[in-house]
Amino acid sequence: MKKLALSLVATFLMSGSVMAAECIAPANPGGGWDFTCRQIGRILQEIGVEKDLVQVTNMAGAGGGVAFTHVVSERGKDENLIVAASSATTTRLAQNAYAGMTADQVRWLGTIGGDPGVIVVAKDSPFKTINDLIDAVKADPGKVVFAGGSAVGGFDHLKVLMLLSRAGFNDARKVKYIGLDGGADAITQTVGGFAQAMTGDISEIQGFLRSGDVRALAVLSENRVAGFDDIPTAKEQGVDLVAMNWRGLYVPKGISDAAFDRWAEALKKVAESDQWKQVMADNGLAPYTLIGAEFEAWVAANIAEIQAISKEIGIIQ
């Protein structure tokens, strides 16, 4: 009987069958991480990479910290597990918001799309280009107020500080920033003249852009965004910054290199699929594909930059 059982196990393994894959969304249903898991999981099955439907597990708490701790402490070698992540994940890790957890306790699989950052001004603003705005900050930081939909030290704030840093202005404490409850409030402050510029993501303010209430000085993406082709990138104006609210995945640190490579190849196939291109078009996302070693190197550099800026403005010691 024992030999029969072992034989069945061997046959099962040789057939290539494995346990169904699982994707942890570190938040309740309906948010961005849940969206990432469900869309990537669905497409993995539709394009034939996964035979069975990818199980989505919602694990909310501590802004992603509960899921991160769970993966590190309990699932460190689970080769069937992927976890949704975004710019919020790396920002919180950089600022030690996960109670001592660090980015090198997992492996960063890749990102395949993102919500591009954008810098906008009121329609009658004297600033015509992103360099006009940067020059004004350099001349007198106290006269230029930025509004954003995240708290001080959050990603909207960091986008401004990274932009200015890349343009040669490194005195982050002098940059005036108002953190508000979402992009619409930040737009209101800008249109009303209480702030000179707004920092946000293009999806949350596309209605304001189309209505003409505000003008975009720069989109913080690699290339111009479809549907907003008149908005120049910061890079083409001489400021080398891409700041996307990226959508991607990490995996447990202890999985084998072969398993990591399989997941990387699977994610690459999702990125190249017609299904994912349609998801991006339907949800205001732009292509942003960094996978495997390239993404791991990018995450390390991104966290180092966020830590340096966060220390300068006093968010971390």
C-alpha atoms as a PDB file:
ATOM      1  CA  MET A   1       0.000   0.000   0.000  1.00  0.00           C
ATOM      2  CA  LYS A   2       2.853   2.366   0.893  1.00  0.00           C
ATOM      3  CA  LYS A   3       4.578   1.621  -2.431  1.00  0.00           C
ATOM      4  CA  LEU A   4       1.319   2.336  -4.266  1.00  0.00           C
ATOM      5  CA  ALA A   5       0.954   5.678  -2.499  1.00  0.00           C
ATOM      6  CA  LEU A   6       4.528   6.647  -3.332  1.00  0.00           C
ATOM      7  CA  SER A   7       3.947   5.621  -6.919  1.00  0.00           C
ATOM      8  CA  LEU A   8       0.863   7.826  -7.147  1.00  0.00           C
ATOM      9  CA  VAL A   9       2.787  10.780  -5.705  1.00  0.00           C
ATOM     10  CA  ALA A  10       5.580  10.257  -8.215  1.00  0.00           C
ATOM     11  CA  THR A  11       3.102  10.081 -11.083  1.00  0.00           C
ATOM     12  CA  PHE A  12       1.460  13.296  -9.846  1.00  0.00           C
ATOM     13  CA  LEU A  13       4.781  15.118  -9.693  1.00  0.00           C
ATOM     14  CA  MET A  14       5.956  13.833 -13.048  1.00  0.00           C
ATOM     15  CA  SER A  15       2.735  14.998 -14.683  1.00  0.00           C
ATOM     16  CA  GLY A  16       3.738  18.585 -13.845  1.00  0.00           C
ATOM     17  CA  SER A  17       0.688  19.143 -11.670  1.00  0.00           C
ATOM     18  CA  VAL A  18       1.181  21.426  -8.705  1.00  0.00           C
ATOM     19  CA  MET A  19      -0.969  23.044  -6.097  1.00  0.00           C
ATOM     20  CA  ALA A  20      -3.097  25.921  -7.328  1.00  0.00           C
ATOM     21  CA  ALA A  21      -1.325  29.265  -7.241  1.00  0.00           C
ATOM     22  CA  GLU A  22      -2.363  31.864  -4.690  1.00  0.00           C
ATOM     23  CA  CYS A  23      -2.156  35.640  -4.830  1.00  0.00           C
ATOM     24  CA  ILE A  24      -2.340  37.617  -1.597  1.00  0.00           C
ATOM     25  CA  ALA A  25      -3.954  41.042  -1.879  1.00  0.00           C
ATOM     26  CA  PRO A  26      -2.784  42.944   1.231  1.00  0.00           C
ATOM     27  CA  ALA A  27      -6.086  44.835   1.539  1.00  0.00           C
ATOM     28  CA  ASN A  28      -9.827  44.328   1.466  1.00  0.00           C
ATOM     29  CA  PRO A  29     -11.649  43.564  -1.809  1.00  0.00           C
ATOM     30  CA  GLY A  30     -12.057  46.454  -4.193  1.00  0.00           C
ATOM     31  CA  GLY A  31      -8.720  48.231  -3.826  1.00  0.00           C
ATOM     32  CA  GLY A  32      -5.662  48.441  -6.036  1.00  0.00           C
ATOM     33  CA  TRP A  33      -3.892  45.387  -4.634  1.00  0.00           C
ATOM     34  CA  ASP A  34      -7.069  43.312  -4.976  1.00  0.00           C
ATOM     35  CA  PHE A  35      -7.358  44.552  -8.571  1.00  0.00           C
ATOM     36  CA  THR A  36      -3.776  43.471  -9.277  1.00  0.00           C
ATOM     37  CA  CYS A  37      -4.291  39.949  -7.936  1.00  0.00           C
ATOM     38  CA  ARG A  38      -7.610  39.367  -9.651  1.00  0.00           C
ATOM     39  CA  GLN A  39      -6.608  40.718 -13.048  1.00  0.00           C
ATOM     40  CA  ILE A  40      -3.214  39.015 -13.203  1.00  0.00           C
ATOM     41  CA  GLY A  41      -4.688  35.788 -11.802  1.00  0.00           C
ATOM     42  CA  ARG A  42      -7.489  35.778 -14.363  1.00  0.00           C
ATOM     43  CA  ILE A  43      -5.130  36.421 -17.259  1.00  0.00           C
ATOM     44  CA  LEU A  44      -2.663  33.736 -16.128  1.00  0.00           C
ATOM     45  CA  GLN A  45      -5.449  31.191 -16.521  1.00  0.00           C
ATOM     46  CA  GLU A  46      -6.849  32.663 -19.738  1.00  0.00           C
ATOM     47  CA  ILE A  47      -3.490  32.526 -21.534  1.00  0.00           C
ATOM     48  CA  GLY A  48      -2.824  29.002 -20.307  1.00  0.00           C
ATOM     49  CA  VAL A  49       0.024  29.648 -17.872  1.00  0.00           C
ATOM     50  CA  GLU A  50      -2.067  28.419 -14.942  1.00  0.00           C
ATOM     51  CA  LYS A  51      -4.417  25.492 -15.427  1.00  0.00           C
ATOM     52  CA  ASP A  52      -6.600  26.403 -12.467  1.00  0.00           C
ATOM     53  CA  LEU A  53      -7.969  29.733 -11.295  1.00  0.00           C
ATOM     54  CA  VAL A  54      -5.475  31.605  -9.117  1.00  0.00           C
ATOM     55  CA  GLN A  55      -6.857  31.832  -5.578  1.00  0.00           C
ATOM     56  CA  VAL A  56      -7.039  35.397  -4.249  1.00  0.00           C
ATOM     57  CA  THR A  57      -6.636  35.851  -0.501  1.00  0.00           C
ATOM     58  CA  ASN A  58      -7.406  39.260   0.977  1.00  0.00           C
ATOM     59  CA  MET A  59      -5.176  40.006   3.958  1.00  0.00           C
ATOM     60  CA  ALA A  60      -5.739  43.582   5.071  1.00  0.00           C
ATOM     61  CA  GLY A  61      -3.873  45.400   7.816  1.00  0.00           C
ATOM     62  CA  ALA A  62      -1.096  47.904   8.500  1.00  0.00           C
ATOM     63  CA  GLY A  63      -1.044  49.209   4.937  1.00  0.00           C
ATOM     64  CA  GLY A  64       0.262  45.898   3.614  1.00  0.00           C
ATOM     65  CA  GLY A  65       2.360  45.129   6.683  1.00  0.00           C
ATOM     66  CA  VAL A  66       0.225  42.214   7.900  1.00  0.00           C
ATOM     67  CA  ALA A  67       0.593  40.390   4.591  1.00  0.00           C
ATOM     68  CA  PHE A  68       4.308  41.196   4.342  1.00  0.00           C
ATOM     69  CA  THR A  69       4.973  39.806   7.831  1.00  0.00           C
ATOM     70  CA  HIS A  70       2.873  36.715   7.060  1.00  0.00           C
ATOM     71  CA  VAL A  71       4.862  35.973   3.916  1.00  0.00           C
ATOM     72  CA  VAL A  72       8.222  36.483   5.625  1.00  0.00           C
ATOM     73  CA  SER A  73       7.441  34.520   8.785  1.00  0.00           C
ATOM     74  CA  GLU A  74       5.143  31.759   7.556  1.00  0.00           C
ATOM     75  CA  ARG A  75       5.363  31.388   3.780  1.00  0.00           C
ATOM     76  CA  GLY A  76       9.040  32.009   3.107  1.00  0.00           C
ATOM     77  CA  LYS A  77       9.494  29.023   0.778  1.00  0.00           C
ATOM     78  CA  ASP A  78       6.055  28.814  -0.835  1.00  0.00           C
ATOM     79  CA  GLU A  79       6.703  28.575  -4.569  1.00  0.00           C
ATOM     80  CA  ASN A  80       2.994  28.828  -5.417  1.00  0.00           C
ATOM     81  CA  LEU A  81       2.553  32.236  -3.803  1.00  0.00           C
ATOM     82  CA  ILE A  82       2.598  35.711  -5.340  1.00  0.00           C
ATOM     83  CA  VAL A  83       1.734  38.954  -3.537  1.00  0.00           C
ATOM     84  CA  ALA A  84       0.353  42.204  -4.951  1.00  0.00           C
ATOM     85  CA  ALA A  85       2.459  45.322  -4.412  1.00  0.00           C
ATOM     86  CA  SER A  86       2.677  48.934  -5.538  1.00  0.00           C
ATOM     87  CA  SER A  87       4.606  52.128  -4.919  1.00  0.00           C
ATOM     88  CA  ALA A  88       2.899  52.288  -1.512  1.00  0.00           C
ATOM     89  CA  THR A  89       4.605  49.018  -0.554  1.00  0.00           C
ATOM     90  CA  THR A  90       8.131  50.202  -1.218  1.00  0.00           C
ATOM     91  CA  THR A  91       7.442  53.652   0.245  1.00  0.00           C
ATOM     92  CA  ARG A  92       6.293  52.109   3.529  1.00  0.00           C
ATOM     93  CA  LEU A  93       9.229  49.723   3.621  1.00  0.00           C
ATOM     94  CA  ALA A  94      11.621  52.599   2.981  1.00  0.00           C
ATOM     95  CA  GLN A  95      10.057  54.526   5.873  1.00  0.00           C
ATOM     96  CA  ASN A  96      10.127  51.534   8.255  1.00  0.00           C
ATOM     97  CA  ALA A  97       6.326  51.417   8.464  1.00  0.00           C
ATOM     98  CA  TYR A  98       6.295  47.603   8.614  1.00  0.00           C
ATOM     99  CA  ALA A  99       7.728  47.317  12.134  1.00  0.00           C
ATOM    100  CA  GLY A 100      11.310  46.527  11.260  1.00  0.00           C
ATOM    101  CA  MET A 101      10.622  44.497   8.116  1.00  0.00           C
ATOM    102  CA  THR A 102      12.913  45.240   5.178  1.00  0.00           C
ATOM    103  CA  ALA A 103      12.603  44.968   1.419  1.00  0.00           C
ATOM    104  CA  ASP A 104      15.301  42.301   1.141  1.00  0.00           C
ATOM    105  CA  GLN A 105      13.144  39.816   3.083  1.00  0.00           C
ATOM    106  CA  VAL A 106      11.210  39.041  -0.112  1.00  0.00           C
ATOM    107  CA  ARG A 107      12.055  38.874  -3.809  1.00  0.00           C
ATOM    108  CA  TRP A 108      10.634  41.511  -6.122  1.00  0.00           C
ATOM    109  CA  LEU A 109       9.122  39.811  -9.150  1.00  0.00           C
ATOM    110  CA  GLY A 110       8.051  42.636 -11.400  1.00  0.00           C
ATOM    111  CA  THR A 111       5.722  45.433 -12.399  1.00  0.00           C
ATOM    112  CA  ILE A 112       3.701  45.434 -15.616  1.00  0.00           C
ATOM    113  CA  GLY A 113       1.778  48.687 -15.484  1.00  0.00           C
ATOM    114  CA  GLY A 114       1.290  51.846 -13.540  1.00  0.00           C
ATOM    115  CA  ASP A 115      -0.706  54.963 -12.944  1.00  0.00           C
ATOM    116  CA  PRO A 116       1.567  57.785 -14.138  1.00  0.00           C
ATOM    117  CA  GLY A 117       2.304  60.678 -11.848  1.00  0.00           C
ATOM    118  CA  VAL A 118       1.462  64.152 -13.131  1.00  0.00           C
ATOM    119  CA  ILE A 119       2.175  67.756 -12.124  1.00  0.00           C
ATOM    120  CA  VAL A 120      -0.615  70.206 -12.937  1.00  0.00           C
ATOM    121  CA  VAL A 121      -1.340  73.907 -12.455  1.00  0.00           C
ATOM    122  CA  ALA A 122      -4.464  76.057 -12.726  1.00  0.00           C
ATOM    123  CA  LYS A 123      -5.495  76.911 -16.274  1.00  0.00           C
ATOM    124  CA  ASP A 124      -4.447  80.556 -15.853  1.00  0.00           C
ATOM    125  CA  SER A 125      -1.134  79.773 -14.118  1.00  0.00           C
ATOM    126  CA  PRO A 126       1.927  81.696 -15.348  1.00  0.00           C
ATOM    127  CA  PHE A 127       3.906  78.426 -15.404  1.00  0.00           C
ATOM    128  CA  LYS A 128       3.968  76.981 -18.909  1.00  0.00           C
ATOM    129  CA  THR A 129       6.529  74.178 -18.519  1.00  0.00           C
ATOM    130  CA  ILE A 130       7.800  72.011 -15.685  1.00  0.00           C
ATOM    131  CA  ASN A 131      11.062  73.954 -15.788  1.00  0.00           C
ATOM    132  CA  ASP A 132       9.194  77.219 -15.216  1.00  0.00           C
ATOM    133  CA  LEU A 133       7.825  75.715 -12.007  1.00  0.00           C
ATOM    134  CA  ILE A 134      11.176  74.288 -10.936  1.00  0.00           C
ATOM    135  CA  ASP A 135      12.911  77.616 -11.571  1.00  0.00           C
ATOM    136  CA  ALA A 136      10.323  79.356  -9.379  1.00  0.00           C
ATOM    137  CA  VAL A 137      11.030  76.952  -6.521  1.00  0.00           C
ATOM    138  CA  LYS A 138      14.762  77.495  -6.893  1.00  0.00           C
ATOM    139  CA  ALA A 139      14.297  81.259  -6.860  1.00  0.00           C
ATOM    140  CA  ASP A 140      12.007  81.343  -3.799  1.00  0.00           C
ATOM    141  CA  PRO A 141      10.705  78.039  -2.374  1.00  0.00           C
ATOM    142  CA  GLY A 142       8.356  79.861  -0.001  1.00  0.00           C
ATOM    143  CA  LYS A 143       6.254  81.214  -2.861  1.00  0.00           C
ATOM    144  CA  VAL A 144       5.421  77.844  -4.436  1.00  0.00           C
ATOM    145  CA  VAL A 145       2.989  75.535  -2.649  1.00  0.00           C
ATOM    146  CA  PHE A 146       2.283  72.009  -3.885  1.00  0.00           C
ATOM    147  CA  ALA A 147      -0.953  70.170  -3.015  1.00  0.00           C
ATOM    148  CA  GLY A 148      -1.320  66.411  -3.110  1.00  0.00           C
ATOM    149  CA  GLY A 149      -3.664  63.628  -2.118  1.00  0.00           C
ATOM    150  CA  SER A 150      -1.274  61.895   0.267  1.00  0.00           C
ATOM    151  CA  ALA A 151       0.066  62.874   3.672  1.00  0.00           C
ATOM    152  CA  VAL A 152       3.444  64.508   4.190  1.00  0.00           C
ATOM    153  CA  GLY A 153       6.011  61.855   3.311  1.00  0.00           C
ATOM    154  CA  GLY A 154       3.528  59.965   1.135  1.00  0.00           C
ATOM    155  CA  PHE A 155       4.054  59.185  -2.523  1.00  0.00           C
ATOM    156  CA  ASP A 156       2.499  62.395  -3.898  1.00  0.00           C
ATOM    157  CA  HIS A 157       4.844  64.426  -1.684  1.00  0.00           C
ATOM    158  CA  LEU A 158       7.822  62.267  -2.636  1.00  0.00           C
ATOM    159  CA  LYS A 159       7.129  62.716  -6.351  1.00  0.00           C
ATOM    160  CA  VAL A 160       7.641  66.463  -5.971  1.00  0.00           C
ATOM    161  CA  LEU A 161      10.791  66.060  -3.904  1.00  0.00           C
ATOM    162  CA  MET A 162      12.275  63.536  -6.350  1.00  0.00           C
ATOM    163  CA  LEU A 163      11.417  65.793  -9.280  1.00  0.00           C
ATOM    164  CA  LEU A 164      13.148  68.770  -7.682  1.00  0.00           C
ATOM    165  CA  SER A 165      16.099  66.663  -6.591  1.00  0.00           C
ATOM    166  CA  ARG A 166      16.645  65.409 -10.139  1.00  0.00           C
ATOM    167  CA  ALA A 167      16.527  69.038 -11.280  1.00  0.00           C
ATOM    168  CA  GLY A 168      19.251  70.037  -8.826  1.00  0.00           C
ATOM    169  CA  PHE A 169      17.219  71.404  -5.886  1.00  0.00           C
ATOM    170  CA  ASN A 170      17.998  69.307  -2.817  1.00  0.00           C
ATOM    171  CA  ASP A 171      16.737  71.342   0.130  1.00  0.00           C
ATOM    172  CA  ALA A 172      13.643  69.210   0.689  1.00  0.00           C
ATOM    173  CA  ARG A 173      12.671  70.933   3.942  1.00  0.00           C
ATOM    174  CA  LYS A 174      12.071  74.194   2.124  1.00  0.00           C
ATOM    175  CA  VAL A 175       9.548  72.685  -0.288  1.00  0.00           C
ATOM    176  CA  LYS A 176       6.016  73.640   0.773  1.00  0.00           C
ATOM    177  CA  TYR A 177       3.502  70.798   0.503  1.00  0.00           C
ATOM    178  CA  ILE A 178      -0.120  70.450   1.641  1.00  0.00           C
ATOM    179  CA  GLY A 179      -1.311  66.872   2.155  1.00  0.00           C
ATOM    180  CA  LEU A 180      -5.051  66.475   1.498  1.00  0.00           C
ATOM    181  CA  ASP A 181      -7.633  63.712   1.400  1.00  0.00           C
ATOM    182  CA  GLY A 182      -7.404  62.726  -2.249  1.00  0.00           C
ATOM    183  CA  GLY A 183      -6.680  64.256  -5.623  1.00  0.00           C
ATOM    184  CA  ALA A 184      -9.977  66.140  -5.973  1.00  0.00           C
ATOM    185  CA  ASP A 185      -9.264  68.177  -2.835  1.00  0.00           C
ATOM    186  CA  ALA A 186      -5.765  68.928  -4.083  1.00  0.00           C
ATOM    187  CA  ILE A 187      -7.182  70.115  -7.413  1.00  0.00           C
ATOM    188  CA  THR A 188      -9.614  72.403  -5.568  1.00  0.00           C
ATOM    189  CA  GLN A 189      -6.734  73.992  -3.665  1.00  0.00           C
ATOM    190  CA  THR A 190      -4.839  74.545  -6.904  1.00  0.00           C
ATOM    191  CA  VAL A 191      -7.746  75.923  -8.909  1.00  0.00           C
ATOM    192  CA  GLY A 192      -8.609  78.205  -5.973  1.00  0.00           C
ATOM    193  CA  GLY A 193      -5.095  79.625  -5.867  1.00  0.00           C
ATOM    194  CA  PHE A 194      -4.189  78.239  -2.434  1.00  0.00           C
ATOM    195  CA  ALA A 195      -1.543  76.043  -4.066  1.00  0.00           C
ATOM    196  CA  GLN A 196       0.510  76.802  -7.163  1.00  0.00           C
ATOM    197  CA  ALA A 197       0.698  73.202  -8.365  1.00  0.00           C
ATOM    198  CA  MET A 198      -0.858  69.808  -7.729  1.00  0.00           C
ATOM    199  CA  THR A 199       0.847  66.440  -7.658  1.00  0.00           C
ATOM    200  CA  GLY A 200      -1.160  63.273  -8.242  1.00  0.00           C
ATOM    201  CA  ASP A 201      -1.841  60.355 -10.570  1.00  0.00           C
ATOM    202  CA  ILE A 202      -3.303  60.901 -14.001  1.00  0.00           C
ATOM    203  CA  SER A 203      -6.259  58.560 -13.470  1.00  0.00           C
ATOM    204  CA  GLU A 204      -7.606  60.492 -10.481  1.00  0.00           C
ATOM    205  CA  ILE A 205      -7.600  63.856 -12.238  1.00  0.00           C
ATOM    206  CA  GLN A 206      -8.284  62.965 -15.867  1.00  0.00           C
ATOM    207  CA  GLY A 207     -11.738  64.558 -15.660  1.00  0.00           C
ATOM    208  CA  PHE A 208     -10.247  67.874 -14.526  1.00  0.00           C
ATOM    209  CA  LEU A 209      -7.691  67.721 -17.316  1.00  0.00           C
ATOM    210  CA  ARG A 210     -10.333  67.070 -19.974  1.00  0.00           C
ATOM    211  CA  SER A 211     -12.588  69.823 -18.641  1.00  0.00           C
ATOM    212  CA  GLY A 212      -9.747  72.349 -18.854  1.00  0.00           C
ATOM    213  CA  ASP A 213      -9.838  73.333 -15.179  1.00  0.00           C
ATOM    214  CA  VAL A 214      -6.127  72.571 -14.932  1.00  0.00           C
ATOM    215  CA  ARG A 215      -3.138  72.242 -17.235  1.00  0.00           C
ATOM    216  CA  ALA A 216      -0.567  69.495 -16.949  1.00  0.00           C
ATOM    217  CA  LEU A 217       3.057  70.596 -17.045  1.00  0.00           C
ATOM    218  CA  ALA A 218       4.505  67.085 -17.090  1.00  0.00           C
ATOM    219  CA  VAL A 219       3.555  63.447 -16.871  1.00  0.00           C
ATOM    220  CA  LEU A 220       6.059  61.354 -14.919  1.00  0.00           C
ATOM    221  CA  SER A 221       6.125  58.353 -17.246  1.00  0.00           C
ATOM    222  CA  GLU A 222       8.652  56.936 -19.674  1.00  0.00           C
ATOM    223  CA  ASN A 223       6.554  57.965 -22.685  1.00  0.00           C
ATOM    224  CA  ARG A 224       3.541  60.151 -23.292  1.00  0.00           C
ATOM    225  CA  VAL A 225       0.262  58.608 -22.160  1.00  0.00           C
ATOM    226  CA  ALA A 226      -2.309  57.508 -24.725  1.00  0.00           C
ATOM    227  CA  GLY A 227      -5.315  59.801 -24.586  1.00  0.00           C
ATOM    228  CA  PHE A 228      -3.195  62.598 -23.113  1.00  0.00           C
ATOM    229  CA  ASP A 229      -0.693  62.886 -25.937  1.00  0.00           C
ATOM    230  CA  ASP A 230      -0.390  66.655 -25.554  1.00  0.00           C
ATOM    231  CA  ILE A 231       1.197  66.325 -22.098  1.00  0.00           C
ATOM    232  CA  PRO A 232       5.005  66.149 -22.333  1.00  0.00           C
ATOM    233  CA  THR A 233       6.981  63.871 -20.061  1.00  0.00           C
ATOM    234  CA  ALA A 234       9.374  65.303 -17.507  1.00  0.00           C
ATOM    235  CA  LYS A 235      12.167  63.393 -19.242  1.00  0.00           C
ATOM    236  CA  GLU A 236      11.653  65.114 -22.570  1.00  0.00           C
ATOM    237  CA  GLN A 237      11.869  68.442 -20.707  1.00  0.00           C
ATOM    238  CA  GLY A 238      15.246  67.491 -19.288  1.00  0.00           C
ATOM    239  CA  VAL A 239      14.239  66.117 -15.864  1.00  0.00           C
ATOM    240  CA  ASP A 240      15.057  62.421 -15.695  1.00  0.00           C
ATOM    241  CA  LEU A 241      12.227  61.142 -13.501  1.00  0.00           C
ATOM    242  CA  VAL A 242       9.685  58.365 -13.948  1.00  0.00           C
ATOM    243  CA  ALA A 243       7.287  58.187 -10.992  1.00  0.00           C
ATOM    244  CA  MET A 244       4.503  55.675 -11.454  1.00  0.00           C
ATOM    245  CA  ASN A 245       2.106  54.200  -8.941  1.00  0.00           C
ATOM    246  CA  TRP A 246       3.214  50.844 -10.280  1.00  0.00           C
ATOM    247  CA  ARG A 247       1.232  47.604 -10.095  1.00  0.00           C
ATOM    248  CA  GLY A 248       3.293  44.481  -9.521  1.00  0.00           C
ATOM    249  CA  LEU A 249       4.183  41.473  -7.421  1.00  0.00           C
ATOM    250  CA  TYR A 250       6.687  40.100  -4.934  1.00  0.00           C
ATOM    251  CA  VAL A 251       7.313  36.483  -3.942  1.00  0.00           C
ATOM    252  CA  PRO A 252       8.773  34.770  -0.862  1.00  0.00           C
ATOM    253  CA  LYS A 253      12.524  35.130  -0.359  1.00  0.00           C
ATOM    254  CA  GLY A 254      13.220  31.406   0.013  1.00  0.00           C
ATOM    255  CA  ILE A 255      11.853  30.081  -3.251  1.00  0.00           C
ATOM    256  CA  SER A 256      14.269  28.520  -5.725  1.00  0.00           C
ATOM    257  CA  ASP A 257      15.791  30.490  -8.582  1.00  0.00           C
ATOM    258  CA  ALA A 258      13.987  28.159 -10.976  1.00  0.00           C
ATOM    259  CA  ALA A 259      10.635  28.997  -9.374  1.00  0.00           C
ATOM    260  CA  PHE A 260      11.441  32.709  -9.454  1.00  0.00           C
ATOM    261  CA  ASP A 261      12.337  32.474 -13.144  1.00  0.00           C
ATOM    262  CA  ARG A 262       9.087  30.613 -13.889  1.00  0.00           C
ATOM    263  CA  TRP A 263       7.051  33.332 -12.208  1.00  0.00           C
ATOM    264  CA  ALA A 264       9.048  36.033 -14.017  1.00  0.00           C
ATOM    265  CA  GLU A 265       8.344  34.387 -17.360  1.00  0.00           C
ATOM    266  CA  ALA A 266       4.664  34.032 -16.461  1.00  0.00           C
ATOM    267  CA  LEU A 267       4.403  37.726 -15.549  1.00  0.00           C
ATOM    268  CA  LYS A 268       6.133  38.669 -18.792  1.00  0.00           C
ATOM    269  CA  LYS A 269       3.493  36.712 -20.731  1.00  0.00           C
ATOM    270  CA  VAL A 270       0.744  38.576 -18.882  1.00  0.00           C
ATOM    271  CA  ALA A 271       2.386  41.906 -19.741  1.00  0.00           C
ATOM    272  CA  GLU A 272       2.494  40.955 -23.422  1.00  0.00           C
ATOM    273  CA  SER A 273      -1.077  39.658 -23.572  1.00  0.00           C
ATOM    274  CA  ASP A 274      -3.967  41.377 -25.311  1.00  0.00           C
ATOM    275  CA  GLN A 275      -5.975  40.878 -22.120  1.00  0.00           C
ATOM    276  CA  TRP A 276      -3.589  42.976 -20.031  1.00  0.00           C
ATOM    277  CA  LYS A 277      -3.419  45.689 -22.694  1.00  0.00           C
ATOM    278  CA  GLN A 278      -7.200  45.908 -22.522  1.00  0.00           C
ATOM    279  CA  VAL A 279      -7.117  46.068 -18.711  1.00  0.00           C
ATOM    280  CA  MET A 280      -4.706  49.006 -18.898  1.00  0.00           C
ATOM    281  CA  ALA A 281      -6.845  50.796 -21.478  1.00  0.00           C
ATOM    282  CA  ASP A 282      -9.991  50.263 -19.406  1.00  0.00           C
ATOM    283  CA  ASN A 283      -8.414  51.477 -16.159  1.00  0.00           C
ATOM    284  CA  GLY A 284      -6.179  54.374 -17.154  1.00  0.00           C
ATOM    285  CA  LEU A 285      -2.898  52.518 -16.671  1.00  0.00           C
ATOM    286  CA  ALA A 286       0.244  52.937 -18.753  1.00  0.00           C
ATOM    287  CA  PRO A 287       2.735  50.220 -19.715  1.00  0.00           C
ATOM    288  CA  TYR A 288       5.543  49.918 -17.195  1.00  0.00           C
ATOM    289  CA  THR A 289       7.315  46.591 -17.430  1.00  0.00           C
ATOM    290  CA  LEU A 290      10.290  45.741 -15.230  1.00  0.00           C
ATOM    291  CA  ILE A 291      10.654  42.044 -14.471  1.00  0.00           C
ATOM    292  CA  GLY A 292      13.080  39.851 -12.545  1.00  0.00           C
ATOM    293  CA  ALA A 293      16.584  41.120 -11.846  1.00  0.00           C
ATOM    294  CA  GLU A 294      15.871  44.458 -13.527  1.00  0.00           C
ATOM    295  CA  PHE A 295      12.949  45.098 -11.164  1.00  0.00           C
ATOM    296  CA  GLU A 296      14.898  43.951  -8.090  1.00  0.00           C
ATOM    297  CA  ALA A 297      17.638  46.481  -8.904  1.00  0.00           C
ATOM    298  CA  TRP A 298      15.039  49.208  -9.496  1.00  0.00           C
ATOM    299  CA  VAL A 299      13.336  48.539  -6.141  1.00  0.00           C
ATOM    300  CA  ALA A 300      16.660  48.740  -4.286  1.00  0.00           C
ATOM    301  CA  ALA A 301      17.489  52.097  -5.896  1.00  0.00           C
ATOM    302  CA  ASN A 302      13.957  53.435  -5.353  1.00  0.00           C
ATOM    303  CA  ILE A 303      13.968  52.549  -1.652  1.00  0.00           C
ATOM    304  CA  ALA A 304      17.399  54.126  -1.166  1.00  0.00           C
ATOM    305  CA  GLU A 305      16.190  57.378  -2.756  1.00  0.00           C
ATOM    306  CA  ILE A 306      12.977  57.445  -0.689  1.00  0.00           C
ATOM    307  CA  GLN A 307      14.943  56.778   2.507  1.00  0.00           C
ATOM    308  CA  ALA A 308      17.352  59.622   1.774  1.00  0.00           C
ATOM    309  CA  ILE A 309      14.535  62.093   1.120  1.00  0.00           C
ATOM    310  CA  SER A 310      12.490  60.842   4.092  1.00  0.00           C
ATOM    311  CA  LYS A 311      15.432  61.377   6.409  1.00  0.00           C
ATOM    312  CA  GLU A 312      15.936  64.872   5.080  1.00  0.00           C
ATOM    313  CA  ILE A 313      12.338  65.881   5.798  1.00  0.00           C
ATOM    314  CA  GLY A 314      12.296  64.106   9.163  1.00  0.00           C
ATOM    315  CA  ILE A 315       9.921  61.216   8.396  1.00  0.00           C
ATOM    316  CA  ILE A 316      12.567  58.715   9.556  1.00  0.00           C
ATOM    317  CA  GLN A 317      15.747  59.045  11.575  1.00  0.00           C
END
